[in-house]
Protein backbone atom coordinates (compact mmCIF):
# COMPACT_ATOMS: atom_id res chain seq x y z
CA MET A 1 -38.65 19.01 -10.04
CA ARG A 2 -39.20 21.26 -7.03
CA THR A 3 -42.04 23.57 -6.03
CA ALA A 4 -41.36 27.15 -4.98
CA GLN A 5 -42.19 25.97 -1.45
CA GLY A 6 -39.25 23.55 -1.71
CA VAL A 7 -41.20 20.29 -2.02
CA THR A 8 -39.24 17.89 -4.21
CA GLY A 9 -41.20 15.73 -6.63
CA ARG A 10 -40.58 13.10 -9.26
CA GLN A 11 -41.25 13.62 -12.93
CA GLY A 12 -41.20 11.51 -16.04
CA THR A 13 -42.36 11.20 -19.61
CA TYR A 14 -44.37 8.69 -21.59
CA ALA A 15 -45.38 8.16 -25.20
CA SER A 16 -48.09 6.36 -27.09
CA PRO A 17 -48.94 6.39 -30.79
CA GLY A 18 -49.49 10.03 -31.77
CA ARG A 19 -49.26 11.37 -28.20
CA VAL A 20 -46.62 12.25 -25.66
CA GLY A 21 -46.99 13.18 -22.04
CA ARG A 22 -45.33 14.25 -18.84
CA TYR A 23 -46.18 13.66 -15.24
CA ALA A 24 -45.05 14.91 -11.86
CA VAL A 25 -45.81 13.57 -8.39
CA PHE A 26 -45.33 15.36 -5.07
CA VAL A 27 -45.89 14.08 -1.52
CA ALA A 28 -45.81 16.33 1.55
CA HIS A 29 -47.59 16.58 4.90
CA GLY A 30 -49.55 13.38 4.22
CA LEU A 31 -50.91 14.69 0.91
CA SER A 32 -50.04 13.74 -2.65
CA VAL A 33 -50.49 15.63 -5.88
CA GLU A 34 -50.15 14.14 -9.35
CA VAL A 35 -49.99 16.31 -12.45
CA THR A 36 -50.38 14.68 -15.86
CA VAL A 37 -50.35 16.46 -19.21
CA ALA A 38 -50.57 14.96 -22.68
CA GLY A 39 -50.70 16.21 -26.23
CA SER A 40 -49.43 15.68 -29.72
CA HIS A 41 -45.74 15.61 -30.55
CA THR A 42 -46.08 19.09 -32.04
CA GLU A 43 -48.27 20.88 -29.48
CA LEU A 44 -46.96 19.71 -26.11
CA PRO A 45 -43.39 21.06 -26.27
CA GLY A 46 -44.66 24.62 -26.71
CA VAL A 47 -46.73 24.57 -23.52
CA LEU A 48 -44.32 22.72 -21.22
CA PRO A 49 -42.59 25.88 -19.89
CA GLY A 50 -45.95 27.27 -18.74
CA ILE A 51 -46.96 23.95 -17.20
CA ALA A 52 -43.65 23.73 -15.31
CA ALA A 53 -44.17 27.28 -14.02
CA SER A 54 -47.65 26.35 -12.85
CA ILE A 55 -46.40 23.21 -11.10
CA ARG A 56 -43.85 25.27 -9.18
CA THR A 57 -46.75 27.19 -7.59
CA LEU A 58 -48.14 24.09 -5.85
CA ALA A 59 -48.27 24.72 -2.11
CA PHE A 60 -48.77 22.21 0.68
CA ARG A 61 -50.15 23.55 3.93
CA THR A 62 -50.49 21.79 7.22
CA ALA A 63 -53.82 21.75 9.02
CA SER A 64 -54.10 24.38 11.73
């Protein structure tokens, strides 16, 4: 997974009884961001495209 700014992250999935989830982790400029989403097997797949689009908007700025 990569942000629009070009920061590469790691992503993965997990499952527990009745729930599934995804996570993404990004590290840049001494900062880290973790995104975790979870839902039922039926509801999560429908919202993943919007979540991925939102994750791509993450921006890391350096202190000025």
